[in-house]
N, C-alpha and C. Protein backbone atom coordinates (compact mmCIF):
# COMPACT_ATOMS: atom_id res chain seq x y z
N MET A 1 -42.46 3.46 35.31
CA MET A 1 -43.79 3.95 35.16
C MET A 1 -43.64 5.45 35.01
N PHE A 2 -42.52 5.84 36.48
CA PHE A 2 -42.31 7.40 35.99
C PHE A 2 -41.74 8.12 34.75
N SER A 3 -40.36 6.60 35.20
CA SER A 3 -39.82 7.70 34.02
C SER A 3 -41.12 7.30 32.11
N GLU A 4 -42.05 6.47 31.58
CA GLU A 4 -42.56 6.25 31.28
C GLU A 4 -43.68 7.97 31.09
N ILE A 5 -43.73 8.60 32.15
CA ILE A 5 -44.82 9.96 32.84
C ILE A 5 -43.53 11.00 31.45
N SER A 6 -42.29 10.54 32.13
CA SER A 6 -41.37 12.35 31.69
C SER A 6 -41.12 11.87 30.67
N HIS A 7 -40.90 10.72 29.97
CA HIS A 7 -41.15 10.39 28.39
C HIS A 7 -41.90 11.61 27.78
N ASP A 8 -43.03 9.98 28.69
CA ASP A 8 -44.30 11.47 27.72
C ASP A 8 -44.77 12.88 28.09
N LEU A 9 -44.72 13.52 29.37
CA LEU A 9 -44.28 14.66 29.54
C LEU A 9 -43.51 15.17 28.25
N LYS A 10 -42.01 15.08 28.23
CA LYS A 10 -41.61 15.81 27.21
C LYS A 10 -41.65 16.11 25.74
N THR A 11 -41.99 15.00 25.00
CA THR A 11 -43.10 15.09 24.08
C THR A 11 -43.33 16.65 23.77
N PRO A 12 -44.82 16.67 24.39
CA PRO A 12 -45.57 17.93 24.48
C PRO A 12 -45.14 18.81 24.41
N ILE A 13 -43.75 19.00 25.22
CA ILE A 13 -42.87 20.49 26.12
C ILE A 13 -41.62 20.75 24.64
N ILE A 14 -41.69 19.90 24.04
CA ILE A 14 -40.17 19.85 23.64
C ILE A 14 -41.06 20.44 21.52
N ARG A 15 -42.21 20.05 21.57
CA ARG A 15 -43.46 20.41 20.61
C ARG A 15 -43.52 21.84 20.75
N LEU A 16 -43.91 22.12 22.07
CA LEU A 16 -44.59 23.58 22.43
C LEU A 16 -43.40 24.72 21.86
N ARG A 17 -41.44 24.15 22.67
CA ARG A 17 -40.56 25.42 22.17
C ARG A 17 -40.62 25.22 20.67
N LEU A 18 -40.82 23.68 19.84
CA LEU A 18 -40.63 24.80 18.63
C LEU A 18 -41.27 25.53 18.19
N ARG A 19 -43.05 25.47 18.92
CA ARG A 19 -43.57 26.29 18.04
C ARG A 19 -44.09 27.76 18.71
N ALA A 20 -42.77 27.84 19.84
CA ALA A 20 -42.59 28.63 19.87
C ALA A 20 -41.51 29.56 19.83
N GLU A 21 -40.74 28.77 19.53
CA GLU A 21 -39.55 29.27 18.33
C GLU A 21 -39.57 30.10 17.60
N MET A 22 -40.71 29.83 16.73
CA MET A 22 -41.47 30.08 15.72
C MET A 22 -41.81 31.36 15.31
N LEU A 23 -42.32 31.68 16.75
CA LEU A 23 -43.12 32.48 16.76
C LEU A 23 -42.24 33.69 16.22
N ASP A 24 -42.65 34.91 15.12
CA ASP A 24 -41.73 36.04 14.57
C ASP A 24 -41.80 37.38 15.84
N ASP A 25 -42.75 36.98 16.89
CA ASP A 25 -42.64 38.66 18.01
C ASP A 25 -42.08 37.95 19.51
N ASP A 26 -40.68 38.68 18.51
CA ASP A 26 -39.93 38.16 19.92
C ASP A 26 -40.74 38.70 21.70
N ALA A 27 -41.82 39.22 21.35
CA ALA A 27 -41.74 39.82 23.11
C ALA A 27 -43.20 38.64 23.24
N LYS A 28 -43.47 37.79 22.83
CA LYS A 28 -44.63 36.97 22.10
C LYS A 28 -43.21 35.33 22.30
N ARG A 29 -42.93 35.49 22.41
CA ARG A 29 -42.04 34.49 22.02
C ARG A 29 -41.41 34.48 23.38
N GLU A 30 -40.76 34.99 23.70
CA GLU A 30 -40.19 34.85 25.02
C GLU A 30 -40.64 34.58 26.24
N PRO A 31 -41.99 35.13 26.67
CA PRO A 31 -42.44 34.53 27.61
C PRO A 31 -42.92 33.16 27.62
N PHE A 32 -42.80 32.69 26.22
CA PHE A 32 -43.37 31.10 26.17
C PHE A 32 -42.23 30.60 26.37
N ILE A 33 -41.11 30.97 26.45
CA ILE A 33 -39.94 29.99 26.11
C ILE A 33 -39.09 29.72 28.08
N CYS A 34 -39.72 30.90 28.67
CA CYS A 34 -39.26 31.20 30.33
C CYS A 34 -39.97 30.43 30.67
N ASP A 35 -41.21 30.23 30.05
CA ASP A 35 -42.82 28.89 31.28
C ASP A 35 -42.11 27.97 30.52
N LEU A 36 -41.67 27.31 29.63
CA LEU A 36 -41.05 25.63 29.17
C LEU A 36 -39.54 25.25 29.57
N GLU A 37 -39.34 26.33 30.15
CA GLU A 37 -37.61 25.67 30.03
C GLU A 37 -37.50 25.16 31.85
N PRO A 38 -38.83 25.76 33.30
CA PRO A 38 -38.50 24.93 33.81
C PRO A 38 -39.60 23.84 34.69
N LEU A 39 -40.28 24.18 33.18
CA LEU A 39 -40.61 22.69 33.04
C LEU A 39 -39.49 21.09 31.85
N GLY A 40 -39.18 21.73 31.32
CA GLY A 40 -37.76 20.87 30.23
C GLY A 40 -37.02 20.43 32.08
N ILE A 41 -36.36 21.65 32.43
CA ILE A 41 -35.64 20.67 33.74
C ILE A 41 -36.01 19.75 34.65
N MET A 42 -37.73 20.34 34.82
CA MET A 42 -37.69 19.52 35.94
C MET A 42 -38.20 17.97 35.38
N ILE A 43 -38.24 17.62 34.21
CA ILE A 43 -38.57 16.17 33.18
C ILE A 43 -37.28 15.88 33.64
N LYS A 44 -36.63 16.79 33.30
CA LYS A 44 -34.95 16.42 33.12
C LYS A 44 -34.37 15.56 34.24
N SER A 45 -34.53 16.66 35.34
CA SER A 45 -34.45 15.54 35.99
C SER A 45 -34.94 14.43 36.84
N ALA A 46 -35.53 14.66 36.90
CA ALA A 46 -36.88 13.75 36.99
C ALA A 46 -36.75 12.32 36.06
N LEU A 47 -35.39 12.61 34.84
CA LEU A 47 -35.02 11.55 34.41
C LEU A 47 -33.97 10.70 34.46
N GLN A 48 -32.98 11.98 35.71
CA GLN A 48 -31.61 11.84 35.81
C GLN A 48 -31.77 11.36 36.95
N VAL A 49 -33.18 11.57 37.82
CA VAL A 49 -32.78 10.78 39.22
C VAL A 49 -33.62 8.82 39.53
N VAL A 50 -34.52 8.86 37.71
CA VAL A 50 -34.57 7.13 38.00
C VAL A 50 -33.42 6.71 36.84
N TYR A 51 -33.23 7.23 35.72
CA TYR A 51 -31.82 6.53 35.70
C TYR A 51 -30.73 6.33 35.81
N GLY A 52 -30.16 7.04 37.23
CA GLY A 52 -29.13 7.65 37.57
C GLY A 52 -29.50 6.65 38.62
N GLY A 53 -29.55 6.61 39.56
CA GLY A 53 -30.40 6.37 41.10
C GLY A 53 -29.52 7.15 42.15
N GLY A 54 -29.30 6.35 43.22
CA GLY A 54 -29.14 7.31 44.35
C GLY A 54 -29.56 6.95 45.82
N GLY A 55 -29.21 7.06 46.64
CA GLY A 55 -29.30 6.64 47.62
C GLY A 55 -31.00 7.03 48.19
N GLN A 56 -31.09 8.10 47.48
CA GLN A 56 -32.74 8.88 48.58
C GLN A 56 -33.88 8.73 47.23
N CYS A 57 -33.66 7.96 46.23
CA CYS A 57 -34.17 7.48 44.99
C CYS A 57 -35.65 8.34 44.71
N GLY A 58 -36.75 7.58 46.03
CA GLY A 58 -37.78 7.90 45.91
C GLY A 58 -38.31 9.74 46.61
N LEU A 59 -37.00 9.60 47.30
CA LEU A 59 -37.76 11.12 47.69
C LEU A 59 -37.42 12.01 46.93
N ALA A 60 -36.30 11.93 46.19
CA ALA A 60 -36.09 12.72 44.71
C ALA A 60 -36.83 12.51 43.77
N ILE A 61 -38.05 11.36 43.52
CA ILE A 61 -38.87 11.34 42.72
C ILE A 61 -39.99 12.26 43.90
N ARG A 62 -40.47 11.67 44.39
CA ARG A 62 -41.36 12.30 45.15
C ARG A 62 -41.30 13.98 44.51
N SER A 63 -40.49 14.41 45.50
CA SER A 63 -40.47 15.94 45.31
C SER A 63 -40.19 16.39 44.18
N THR A 64 -39.43 15.91 42.59
CA THR A 64 -39.68 16.29 41.97
C THR A 64 -41.36 16.01 41.11
N LEU A 65 -41.70 14.66 41.29
CA LEU A 65 -43.18 14.83 40.88
C LEU A 65 -43.78 16.09 41.55
N GLN A 66 -44.08 16.24 42.68
CA GLN A 66 -44.75 16.73 43.12
C GLN A 66 -45.09 18.40 43.06
N SER A 67 -43.33 18.63 42.38
CA SER A 67 -42.81 19.96 41.98
C SER A 67 -43.78 20.34 40.55
N MET A 68 -43.41 19.44 39.64
CA MET A 68 -44.05 19.29 38.42
C MET A 68 -45.51 19.09 38.24
N LEU A 69 -46.50 18.63 39.55
CA LEU A 69 -47.68 18.34 39.66
C LEU A 69 -48.27 20.29 39.65
N MET A 70 -47.79 20.69 40.49
CA MET A 70 -47.61 22.21 41.31
C MET A 70 -47.32 22.98 40.17
N VAL A 71 -46.68 22.56 39.60
CA VAL A 71 -46.16 23.52 38.14
C VAL A 71 -47.18 23.90 37.02
N VAL A 72 -47.60 22.15 36.36
CA VAL A 72 -48.58 21.91 35.86
C VAL A 72 -50.21 22.31 36.27
N ALA A 73 -50.30 22.38 37.59
CA ALA A 73 -51.65 22.38 38.11
C ALA A 73 -51.78 24.58 38.01
N TRP A 74 -50.77 25.09 38.33
CA TRP A 74 -51.07 26.14 38.44
C TRP A 74 -51.63 26.81 36.71
């Protein structure tokens, strides 16, 4: 289930990044990209935990999910 949520979050993040890349004004584009970068990294990390596994998989998923929710809620 968590991997499905991560994939569902990746799609809008990629779409937003593409829209940001299309902005002509560097001053407007850079803040968008800087905000999207950590979200993409968190999603990628979450997917690696789910697919890569590990001894502390549950702990890593919880901490990644908490981080993601904090960023989204903020």
